[in-house]
Amino acid sequence: MSKNLPDKKPDTPSHLPYRDVNEAARIYILPNLFTAGNLFFGFLAIIWCIRGRYDATEAQIASYFTEAVFFILGAGLCDMLDGRVARLGGRESLFGKEFDSIADMVSFGLAPCLMMFFLILNPTEGLEFFRKIGWLIGFVYLLCAGVRLARFNVITNPFIPGSEKGASDFQGLPAPAAAGMVSSIVLVLINFEFRREFYLLLPPLMLLIAWMMVSNVRYPSFKHLGWQSHLRTQHFIALIIGVALLVFFWQFSFALLFMAYLFFGVGRHLRKQKKAKAAAEKA
């Protein structure tokens, strides 16, 4: 007679990271709390943009939009921490990844899009051209953010052979960096007086940011930075000075920081192409 053996889940095949659907959909508390915080800050940014546009006096508008900018930056901080906490504790799941993308679409897609639309691409104010085409520019940005997040989920899917899970670079400008760029520009606009002609540069810049999200340009992810990372003395001092400048001149330092990140990726991409072309000519 055969012995009655207890039911056992099959071992996870070597090429699969999860045993079953339940394990892939497991909700780990701490990393997903940060993701929920990301979504919460994005929701607040949207509400503050709407209130700043329709429910604020002239004196309150700047205050509402400034707070909305910091809500988006707070969402970016939560987005940075949720992945790190998950990797640090070995508690990554497909649920967390999908939840993160949904939160990102709200915080880094819709929120900055509404912010720029209400202030620059306003259908009732501003230049005549923006009144007619502003909604389309806003939608293009939102569309590119959605495509960027969907593509990221595909190329980092652990079930796909050759996926870029754990890669040190992002393909395309990350959505949080794009949102930081847009919102920090808004921060500059509401704290400094600019000539009306300056606003002509903003829609093309917004379209450039949108395009860079879906481009193949590589951007550093900084995932390798951790408790064991170290710097030379002069670099550490430069970092402290940079943080101090960021805090004291916050009205425009965030815009400079995100702009530097945006064009750093472009410059590095062009250098790599130039080197590859030179190597091909020598071969």
C-alpha atoms as a PDB file:
ATOM      1  CA  MET A   1       0.000   0.000   0.000  1.00  0.00           C
ATOM      2  CA  SER A   2       1.200   3.475  -0.789  1.00  0.00           C
ATOM      3  CA  LYS A   3       1.601   5.900   2.061  1.00  0.00           C
ATOM      4  CA  ASN A   4      -0.574   8.991   2.198  1.00  0.00           C
ATOM      5  CA  LEU A   5       1.843  11.848   1.840  1.00  0.00           C
ATOM      6  CA  PRO A   6       0.860  15.428   2.759  1.00  0.00           C
ATOM      7  CA  ASP A   7       0.190  17.800  -0.085  1.00  0.00           C
ATOM      8  CA  LYS A   8       3.236  19.909  -0.875  1.00  0.00           C
ATOM      9  CA  LYS A   9       3.668  22.878  -3.135  1.00  0.00           C
ATOM     10  CA  PRO A  10       6.023  22.142  -5.962  1.00  0.00           C
ATOM     11  CA  ASP A  11       9.450  23.647  -5.649  1.00  0.00           C
ATOM     12  CA  THR A  12       9.991  26.846  -7.556  1.00  0.00           C
ATOM     13  CA  PRO A  13      11.654  26.127 -10.915  1.00  0.00           C
ATOM     14  CA  SER A  14      15.115  27.634 -11.083  1.00  0.00           C
ATOM     15  CA  HIS A  15      14.070  30.098 -13.783  1.00  0.00           C
ATOM     16  CA  LEU A  16      11.030  31.425 -11.888  1.00  0.00           C
ATOM     17  CA  PRO A  17      11.324  33.888  -8.984  1.00  0.00           C
ATOM     18  CA  TYR A  18       7.966  33.002  -7.360  1.00  0.00           C
ATOM     19  CA  ARG A  19       6.303  29.685  -6.513  1.00  0.00           C
ATOM     20  CA  ASP A  20       2.728  30.743  -7.277  1.00  0.00           C
ATOM     21  CA  VAL A  21       0.327  33.660  -7.684  1.00  0.00           C
ATOM     22  CA  ASN A  22      -0.121  34.100  -3.944  1.00  0.00           C
ATOM     23  CA  GLU A  23       3.586  34.622  -3.401  1.00  0.00           C
ATOM     24  CA  ALA A  24       3.854  37.074  -6.316  1.00  0.00           C
ATOM     25  CA  ALA A  25       0.846  39.046  -5.011  1.00  0.00           C
ATOM     26  CA  ARG A  26       2.010  39.155  -1.397  1.00  0.00           C
ATOM     27  CA  ILE A  27       1.622  42.589   0.214  1.00  0.00           C
ATOM     28  CA  TYR A  28       4.635  43.425   2.338  1.00  0.00           C
ATOM     29  CA  ILE A  29       3.698  46.134   4.811  1.00  0.00           C
ATOM     30  CA  LEU A  30       6.635  48.543   4.980  1.00  0.00           C
ATOM     31  CA  PRO A  31       7.521  48.970   1.266  1.00  0.00           C
ATOM     32  CA  ASN A  32       3.854  49.216   0.296  1.00  0.00           C
ATOM     33  CA  LEU A  33       3.247  51.820   2.997  1.00  0.00           C
ATOM     34  CA  PHE A  34       5.815  53.990   1.246  1.00  0.00           C
ATOM     35  CA  THR A  35       4.048  53.334  -2.072  1.00  0.00           C
ATOM     36  CA  ALA A  36       0.743  54.327  -0.460  1.00  0.00           C
ATOM     37  CA  GLY A  37       2.501  57.471   0.769  1.00  0.00           C
ATOM     38  CA  ASN A  38       3.581  58.167  -2.808  1.00  0.00           C
ATOM     39  CA  LEU A  39      -0.054  57.873  -3.948  1.00  0.00           C
ATOM     40  CA  PHE A  40      -1.261  60.021  -1.047  1.00  0.00           C
ATOM     41  CA  PHE A  41       1.154  62.859  -1.832  1.00  0.00           C
ATOM     42  CA  GLY A  42       0.209  62.680  -5.520  1.00  0.00           C
ATOM     43  CA  PHE A  43      -3.471  62.913  -4.602  1.00  0.00           C
ATOM     44  CA  LEU A  44      -2.786  65.946  -2.388  1.00  0.00           C
ATOM     45  CA  ALA A  45      -0.801  67.606  -5.201  1.00  0.00           C
ATOM     46  CA  ILE A  46      -3.769  67.214  -7.566  1.00  0.00           C
ATOM     47  CA  ILE A  47      -6.221  68.599  -4.995  1.00  0.00           C
ATOM     48  CA  TRP A  48      -3.919  71.554  -4.261  1.00  0.00           C
ATOM     49  CA  CYS A  49      -3.547  72.310  -7.986  1.00  0.00           C
ATOM     50  CA  ILE A  50      -7.321  72.356  -8.403  1.00  0.00           C
ATOM     51  CA  ARG A  51      -7.786  74.528  -5.318  1.00  0.00           C
ATOM     52  CA  GLY A  52      -5.024  76.868  -6.486  1.00  0.00           C
ATOM     53  CA  ARG A  53      -6.748  77.262  -9.835  1.00  0.00           C
ATOM     54  CA  TYR A  54     -10.402  77.528  -8.798  1.00  0.00           C
ATOM     55  CA  ASP A  55     -10.595  78.128  -5.046  1.00  0.00           C
ATOM     56  CA  ALA A  56      -7.829  80.596  -4.190  1.00  0.00           C
ATOM     57  CA  THR A  57      -7.421  84.320  -4.023  1.00  0.00           C
ATOM     58  CA  GLU A  58      -4.648  86.029  -5.964  1.00  0.00           C
ATOM     59  CA  ALA A  59      -2.480  86.036  -2.850  1.00  0.00           C
ATOM     60  CA  GLN A  60      -3.065  82.318  -2.163  1.00  0.00           C
ATOM     61  CA  ILE A  61      -2.263  80.932  -5.627  1.00  0.00           C
ATOM     62  CA  ALA A  62       1.513  80.907  -5.158  1.00  0.00           C
ATOM     63  CA  SER A  63       1.145  79.228  -1.763  1.00  0.00           C
ATOM     64  CA  TYR A  64      -1.105  76.462  -3.105  1.00  0.00           C
ATOM     65  CA  PHE A  65       1.137  75.637  -6.047  1.00  0.00           C
ATOM     66  CA  THR A  66       4.309  75.797  -3.949  1.00  0.00           C
ATOM     67  CA  GLU A  67       2.815  73.262  -1.549  1.00  0.00           C
ATOM     68  CA  ALA A  68       1.718  71.110  -4.516  1.00  0.00           C
ATOM     69  CA  VAL A  69       5.325  71.079  -5.761  1.00  0.00           C
ATOM     70  CA  PHE A  70       6.549  69.823  -2.404  1.00  0.00           C
ATOM     71  CA  PHE A  71       3.828  67.166  -2.379  1.00  0.00           C
ATOM     72  CA  ILE A  72       5.206  65.877  -5.699  1.00  0.00           C
ATOM     73  CA  LEU A  73       8.745  65.941  -4.309  1.00  0.00           C
ATOM     74  CA  GLY A  74       7.467  64.088  -1.234  1.00  0.00           C
ATOM     75  CA  ALA A  75       5.928  61.478  -3.524  1.00  0.00           C
ATOM     76  CA  GLY A  76       9.324  61.141  -5.213  1.00  0.00           C
ATOM     77  CA  LEU A  77      10.988  60.538  -1.849  1.00  0.00           C
ATOM     78  CA  CYS A  78       8.454  57.814  -1.007  1.00  0.00           C
ATOM     79  CA  ASP A  79       8.982  56.258  -4.445  1.00  0.00           C
ATOM     80  CA  MET A  80      12.722  56.167  -3.858  1.00  0.00           C
ATOM     81  CA  LEU A  81      12.333  54.566  -0.427  1.00  0.00           C
ATOM     82  CA  ASP A  82       9.760  51.864  -1.224  1.00  0.00           C
ATOM     83  CA  GLY A  83      12.058  50.008  -3.611  1.00  0.00           C
ATOM     84  CA  ARG A  84      15.071  50.363  -1.345  1.00  0.00           C
ATOM     85  CA  VAL A  85      13.160  49.079   1.666  1.00  0.00           C
ATOM     86  CA  ALA A  86      11.845  46.122  -0.362  1.00  0.00           C
ATOM     87  CA  ARG A  87      15.316  45.199  -1.636  1.00  0.00           C
ATOM     88  CA  LEU A  88      16.906  45.726   1.763  1.00  0.00           C
ATOM     89  CA  GLY A  89      14.500  43.317   3.430  1.00  0.00           C
ATOM     90  CA  GLY A  90      14.317  40.897   0.497  1.00  0.00           C
ATOM     91  CA  ARG A  91      10.594  41.548   0.263  1.00  0.00           C
ATOM     92  CA  GLU A  92      10.000  42.334  -3.405  1.00  0.00           C
ATOM     93  CA  SER A  93       6.773  41.189  -5.054  1.00  0.00           C
ATOM     94  CA  LEU A  94       5.005  41.701  -8.362  1.00  0.00           C
ATOM     95  CA  PHE A  95       2.124  43.294  -6.468  1.00  0.00           C
ATOM     96  CA  GLY A  96       4.438  45.959  -5.086  1.00  0.00           C
ATOM     97  CA  LYS A  97       5.826  46.643  -8.534  1.00  0.00           C
ATOM     98  CA  GLU A  98       2.401  47.088 -10.117  1.00  0.00           C
ATOM     99  CA  PHE A  99       1.112  49.137  -7.186  1.00  0.00           C
ATOM    100  CA  ASP A 100       4.161  51.381  -7.505  1.00  0.00           C
ATOM    101  CA  SER A 101       3.464  52.040 -11.192  1.00  0.00           C
ATOM    102  CA  ILE A 102      -0.175  52.928 -10.495  1.00  0.00           C
ATOM    103  CA  ALA A 103       0.901  55.359  -7.764  1.00  0.00           C
ATOM    104  CA  ASP A 104       3.569  56.809 -10.092  1.00  0.00           C
ATOM    105  CA  MET A 105       0.972  57.465 -12.789  1.00  0.00           C
ATOM    106  CA  VAL A 106      -0.969  59.643 -10.354  1.00  0.00           C
ATOM    107  CA  SER A 107       1.960  61.406  -8.677  1.00  0.00           C
ATOM    108  CA  PHE A 108       4.342  61.777 -11.636  1.00  0.00           C
ATOM    109  CA  GLY A 109       1.903  61.707 -14.545  1.00  0.00           C
ATOM    110  CA  LEU A 110      -1.374  63.426 -13.728  1.00  0.00           C
ATOM    111  CA  ALA A 111      -0.234  65.773 -10.917  1.00  0.00           C
ATOM    112  CA  PRO A 112       2.590  67.591 -12.795  1.00  0.00           C
ATOM    113  CA  CYS A 113       0.495  67.575 -15.961  1.00  0.00           C
ATOM    114  CA  LEU A 114      -2.347  69.439 -14.205  1.00  0.00           C
ATOM    115  CA  MET A 115       0.128  71.777 -12.531  1.00  0.00           C
ATOM    116  CA  MET A 116       1.704  72.837 -15.820  1.00  0.00           C
ATOM    117  CA  PHE A 117      -1.674  72.951 -17.561  1.00  0.00           C
ATOM    118  CA  PHE A 118      -3.227  75.312 -15.012  1.00  0.00           C
ATOM    119  CA  LEU A 119      -0.245  77.657 -14.880  1.00  0.00           C
ATOM    120  CA  ILE A 120       1.155  77.630 -18.416  1.00  0.00           C
ATOM    121  CA  LEU A 121      -1.170  75.833 -20.814  1.00  0.00           C
ATOM    122  CA  ASN A 122      -4.281  77.433 -19.346  1.00  0.00           C
ATOM    123  CA  PRO A 123      -7.203  77.341 -21.828  1.00  0.00           C
ATOM    124  CA  THR A 124      -8.598  80.696 -20.601  1.00  0.00           C
ATOM    125  CA  GLU A 125      -5.433  82.752 -20.071  1.00  0.00           C
ATOM    126  CA  GLY A 126      -2.014  83.226 -21.592  1.00  0.00           C
ATOM    127  CA  LEU A 127      -1.007  83.234 -25.241  1.00  0.00           C
ATOM    128  CA  GLU A 128      -3.609  82.480 -27.893  1.00  0.00           C
ATOM    129  CA  PHE A 129      -1.657  79.494 -29.245  1.00  0.00           C
ATOM    130  CA  PHE A 130      -1.595  77.784 -25.849  1.00  0.00           C
ATOM    131  CA  ARG A 131      -5.333  78.230 -25.475  1.00  0.00           C
ATOM    132  CA  LYS A 132      -5.866  76.078 -28.540  1.00  0.00           C
ATOM    133  CA  ILE A 133      -3.115  73.492 -28.181  1.00  0.00           C
ATOM    134  CA  GLY A 134      -2.423  73.378 -24.428  1.00  0.00           C
ATOM    135  CA  TRP A 135      -4.668  70.370 -23.772  1.00  0.00           C
ATOM    136  CA  LEU A 136      -2.779  68.358 -26.412  1.00  0.00           C
ATOM    137  CA  ILE A 137       0.650  69.190 -24.942  1.00  0.00           C
ATOM    138  CA  GLY A 138      -0.602  68.139 -21.511  1.00  0.00           C
ATOM    139  CA  PHE A 139      -1.978  64.872 -22.881  1.00  0.00           C
ATOM    140  CA  VAL A 140       1.264  64.060 -24.713  1.00  0.00           C
ATOM    141  CA  TYR A 141       3.148  64.377 -21.424  1.00  0.00           C
ATOM    142  CA  LEU A 142       0.597  62.169 -19.643  1.00  0.00           C
ATOM    143  CA  LEU A 143       0.705  59.604 -22.451  1.00  0.00           C
ATOM    144  CA  CYS A 144       4.505  59.408 -22.404  1.00  0.00           C
ATOM    145  CA  ALA A 145       4.488  58.971 -18.623  1.00  0.00           C
ATOM    146  CA  GLY A 146       2.065  56.051 -18.956  1.00  0.00           C
ATOM    147  CA  VAL A 147       4.097  54.454 -21.752  1.00  0.00           C
ATOM    148  CA  ARG A 148       7.322  54.932 -19.766  1.00  0.00           C
ATOM    149  CA  LEU A 149       5.899  53.163 -16.700  1.00  0.00           C
ATOM    150  CA  ALA A 150       4.372  50.328 -18.752  1.00  0.00           C
ATOM    151  CA  ARG A 151       7.632  49.774 -20.634  1.00  0.00           C
ATOM    152  CA  PHE A 152       9.584  49.737 -17.376  1.00  0.00           C
ATOM    153  CA  ASN A 153       7.322  46.971 -16.027  1.00  0.00           C
ATOM    154  CA  VAL A 154       7.865  44.911 -19.168  1.00  0.00           C
ATOM    155  CA  ILE A 155      11.653  45.230 -19.479  1.00  0.00           C
ATOM    156  CA  THR A 156      12.171  44.504 -15.757  1.00  0.00           C
ATOM    157  CA  ASN A 157       9.671  41.627 -15.558  1.00  0.00           C
ATOM    158  CA  PRO A 158      11.486  38.760 -13.805  1.00  0.00           C
ATOM    159  CA  PHE A 159       9.557  36.168 -15.837  1.00  0.00           C
ATOM    160  CA  ILE A 160      10.950  37.418 -19.155  1.00  0.00           C
ATOM    161  CA  PRO A 161      14.370  36.024 -20.177  1.00  0.00           C
ATOM    162  CA  GLY A 162      16.941  38.787 -20.532  1.00  0.00           C
ATOM    163  CA  SER A 163      14.941  41.283 -18.468  1.00  0.00           C
ATOM    164  CA  GLU A 164      16.753  44.274 -16.986  1.00  0.00           C
ATOM    165  CA  LYS A 165      15.740  43.556 -13.400  1.00  0.00           C
ATOM    166  CA  GLY A 166      18.408  45.020 -11.145  1.00  0.00           C
ATOM    167  CA  ALA A 167      20.038  47.041 -13.946  1.00  0.00           C
ATOM    168  CA  SER A 168      22.116  50.022 -12.813  1.00  0.00           C
ATOM    169  CA  ASP A 169      20.588  52.333 -15.445  1.00  0.00           C
ATOM    170  CA  PHE A 170      17.064  53.310 -16.444  1.00  0.00           C
ATOM    171  CA  GLN A 171      16.016  53.213 -20.083  1.00  0.00           C
ATOM    172  CA  GLY A 172      14.489  56.621 -20.665  1.00  0.00           C
ATOM    173  CA  LEU A 173      14.089  59.490 -18.215  1.00  0.00           C
ATOM    174  CA  PRO A 174      12.405  58.138 -15.051  1.00  0.00           C
ATOM    175  CA  ALA A 175       8.875  59.456 -14.472  1.00  0.00           C
ATOM    176  CA  PRO A 176       9.750  60.817 -10.982  1.00  0.00           C
ATOM    177  CA  ALA A 177      12.640  62.831 -12.460  1.00  0.00           C
ATOM    178  CA  ALA A 178      10.374  64.143 -15.239  1.00  0.00           C
ATOM    179  CA  ALA A 179       7.768  65.193 -12.671  1.00  0.00           C
ATOM    180  CA  GLY A 180      10.483  66.784 -10.548  1.00  0.00           C
ATOM    181  CA  MET A 181      11.674  68.749 -13.575  1.00  0.00           C
ATOM    182  CA  VAL A 182       8.187  70.043 -14.412  1.00  0.00           C
ATOM    183  CA  SER A 183       7.212  70.878 -10.829  1.00  0.00           C
ATOM    184  CA  SER A 184      10.549  72.569 -10.034  1.00  0.00           C
ATOM    185  CA  ILE A 185      10.102  74.798 -13.097  1.00  0.00           C
ATOM    186  CA  VAL A 186       6.713  75.775 -11.674  1.00  0.00           C
ATOM    187  CA  LEU A 187       8.458  76.545  -8.379  1.00  0.00           C
ATOM    188  CA  VAL A 188      10.796  78.952 -10.188  1.00  0.00           C
ATOM    189  CA  LEU A 189       7.939  80.615 -12.058  1.00  0.00           C
ATOM    190  CA  ILE A 190       5.880  81.366  -8.965  1.00  0.00           C
ATOM    191  CA  ASN A 191       8.852  82.732  -6.993  1.00  0.00           C
ATOM    192  CA  PHE A 192      10.478  84.923  -9.647  1.00  0.00           C
ATOM    193  CA  GLU A 193       9.225  87.443 -12.145  1.00  0.00           C
ATOM    194  CA  PHE A 194       9.836  86.501 -15.766  1.00  0.00           C
ATOM    195  CA  ARG A 195       9.020  88.201 -19.011  1.00  0.00           C
ATOM    196  CA  ARG A 196       5.996  86.829 -20.821  1.00  0.00           C
ATOM    197  CA  GLU A 197       8.202  85.637 -23.696  1.00  0.00           C
ATOM    198  CA  PHE A 198       9.907  83.166 -21.349  1.00  0.00           C
ATOM    199  CA  TYR A 199       6.707  81.144 -21.250  1.00  0.00           C
ATOM    200  CA  LEU A 200       7.175  80.339 -24.943  1.00  0.00           C
ATOM    201  CA  LEU A 201      10.040  78.025 -23.953  1.00  0.00           C
ATOM    202  CA  LEU A 202       8.027  75.965 -21.500  1.00  0.00           C
ATOM    203  CA  PRO A 203       5.737  73.919 -23.791  1.00  0.00           C
ATOM    204  CA  PRO A 204       8.694  72.775 -25.956  1.00  0.00           C
ATOM    205  CA  LEU A 205      10.607  71.904 -22.775  1.00  0.00           C
ATOM    206  CA  MET A 206       7.626  69.925 -21.504  1.00  0.00           C
ATOM    207  CA  LEU A 207       7.468  68.030 -24.811  1.00  0.00           C
ATOM    208  CA  LEU A 208      11.231  67.374 -24.599  1.00  0.00           C
ATOM    209  CA  ILE A 209      10.808  65.949 -21.098  1.00  0.00           C
ATOM    210  CA  ALA A 210       7.932  63.785 -22.338  1.00  0.00           C
ATOM    211  CA  TRP A 211      10.017  62.520 -25.271  1.00  0.00           C
ATOM    212  CA  MET A 212      12.988  61.707 -23.048  1.00  0.00           C
ATOM    213  CA  MET A 213      10.756  59.468 -20.911  1.00  0.00           C
ATOM    214  CA  VAL A 214      10.105  57.158 -23.881  1.00  0.00           C
ATOM    215  CA  SER A 215      13.571  57.492 -25.431  1.00  0.00           C
ATOM    216  CA  ASN A 216      16.360  54.899 -25.268  1.00  0.00           C
ATOM    217  CA  VAL A 217      18.698  57.298 -23.457  1.00  0.00           C
ATOM    218  CA  ARG A 218      20.135  55.697 -20.320  1.00  0.00           C
ATOM    219  CA  TYR A 219      19.933  57.441 -16.958  1.00  0.00           C
ATOM    220  CA  PRO A 220      21.690  56.362 -13.745  1.00  0.00           C
ATOM    221  CA  SER A 221      19.353  54.762 -11.195  1.00  0.00           C
ATOM    222  CA  PHE A 222      21.609  55.164  -8.135  1.00  0.00           C
ATOM    223  CA  LYS A 223      20.382  51.767  -6.923  1.00  0.00           C
ATOM    224  CA  HIS A 224      23.955  50.800  -6.105  1.00  0.00           C
ATOM    225  CA  LEU A 225      24.149  53.512  -3.420  1.00  0.00           C
ATOM    226  CA  GLY A 226      23.734  52.084   0.070  1.00  0.00           C
ATOM    227  CA  TRP A 227      25.148  51.975   3.569  1.00  0.00           C
ATOM    228  CA  GLN A 228      28.432  50.587   2.238  1.00  0.00           C
ATOM    229  CA  SER A 229      28.896  53.326  -0.387  1.00  0.00           C
ATOM    230  CA  HIS A 230      31.819  55.644   0.231  1.00  0.00           C
ATOM    231  CA  LEU A 231      33.259  58.878  -1.155  1.00  0.00           C
ATOM    232  CA  ARG A 232      36.594  60.598  -1.230  1.00  0.00           C
ATOM    233  CA  THR A 233      36.999  63.465   1.228  1.00  0.00           C
ATOM    234  CA  GLN A 234      36.700  66.219  -1.372  1.00  0.00           C
ATOM    235  CA  HIS A 235      33.613  64.604  -2.934  1.00  0.00           C
ATOM    236  CA  PHE A 236      31.977  64.277   0.498  1.00  0.00           C
ATOM    237  CA  ILE A 237      32.600  67.963   1.222  1.00  0.00           C
ATOM    238  CA  ALA A 238      31.208  68.887  -2.207  1.00  0.00           C
ATOM    239  CA  LEU A 239      28.099  66.799  -1.436  1.00  0.00           C
ATOM    240  CA  ILE A 240      27.540  68.620   1.864  1.00  0.00           C
ATOM    241  CA  ILE A 241      27.937  71.999   0.155  1.00  0.00           C
ATOM    242  CA  GLY A 242      25.524  70.901  -2.590  1.00  0.00           C
ATOM    243  CA  VAL A 243      22.887  69.860  -0.060  1.00  0.00           C
ATOM    244  CA  ALA A 244      23.295  73.172   1.800  1.00  0.00           C
ATOM    245  CA  LEU A 245      22.835  75.123  -1.440  1.00  0.00           C
ATOM    246  CA  LEU A 246      19.798  73.005  -2.275  1.00  0.00           C
ATOM    247  CA  VAL A 247      18.207  73.899   1.063  1.00  0.00           C
ATOM    248  CA  PHE A 248      19.068  77.608   1.156  1.00  0.00           C
ATOM    249  CA  PHE A 249      18.227  78.351  -2.490  1.00  0.00           C
ATOM    250  CA  TRP A 250      15.333  75.917  -2.844  1.00  0.00           C
ATOM    251  CA  GLN A 251      13.339  78.262  -5.107  1.00  0.00           C
ATOM    252  CA  PHE A 252      15.550  77.434  -8.091  1.00  0.00           C
ATOM    253  CA  SER A 253      18.063  74.799  -6.928  1.00  0.00           C
ATOM    254  CA  PHE A 254      15.631  71.919  -7.510  1.00  0.00           C
ATOM    255  CA  ALA A 255      15.152  73.027 -11.123  1.00  0.00           C
ATOM    256  CA  LEU A 256      18.932  73.160 -11.650  1.00  0.00           C
ATOM    257  CA  LEU A 257      19.337  69.711 -10.101  1.00  0.00           C
ATOM    258  CA  PHE A 258      16.705  68.059 -12.288  1.00  0.00           C
ATOM    259  CA  MET A 259      17.890  69.941 -15.370  1.00  0.00           C
ATOM    260  CA  ALA A 260      21.426  68.676 -14.763  1.00  0.00           C
ATOM    261  CA  TYR A 261      20.111  65.104 -14.506  1.00  0.00           C
ATOM    262  CA  LEU A 262      18.066  65.505 -17.690  1.00  0.00           C
ATOM    263  CA  PHE A 263      20.981  66.724 -19.809  1.00  0.00           C
ATOM    264  CA  PHE A 264      23.551  64.470 -18.130  1.00  0.00           C
ATOM    265  CA  GLY A 265      21.788  61.469 -19.663  1.00  0.00           C
ATOM    266  CA  VAL A 266      21.648  63.159 -23.075  1.00  0.00           C
ATOM    267  CA  GLY A 267      25.334  64.122 -22.942  1.00  0.00           C
ATOM    268  CA  ARG A 268      26.429  60.649 -21.865  1.00  0.00           C
ATOM    269  CA  HIS A 269      24.307  59.081 -24.628  1.00  0.00           C
ATOM    270  CA  LEU A 270      25.893  61.304 -27.277  1.00  0.00           C
ATOM    271  CA  ARG A 271      29.408  60.511 -25.993  1.00  0.00           C
ATOM    272  CA  LYS A 272      28.715  56.787 -26.167  1.00  0.00           C
ATOM    273  CA  GLN A 273      27.404  57.118 -29.721  1.00  0.00           C
ATOM    274  CA  LYS A 274      30.484  59.107 -30.716  1.00  0.00           C
ATOM    275  CA  LYS A 275      32.816  56.483 -29.237  1.00  0.00           C
ATOM    276  CA  ALA A 276      30.903  53.659 -30.908  1.00  0.00           C
ATOM    277  CA  LYS A 277      31.093  55.452 -34.261  1.00  0.00           C
ATOM    278  CA  ALA A 278      34.817  56.044 -33.860  1.00  0.00           C
ATOM    279  CA  ALA A 279      35.377  52.385 -32.958  1.00  0.00           C
ATOM    280  CA  ALA A 280      33.372  51.265 -35.984  1.00  0.00           C
ATOM    281  CA  GLU A 281      35.439  53.481 -38.300  1.00  0.00           C
ATOM    282  CA  LYS A 282      38.691  52.031 -36.925  1.00  0.00           C
ATOM    283  CA  ALA A 283      37.496  48.448 -37.352  1.00  0.00           C
END
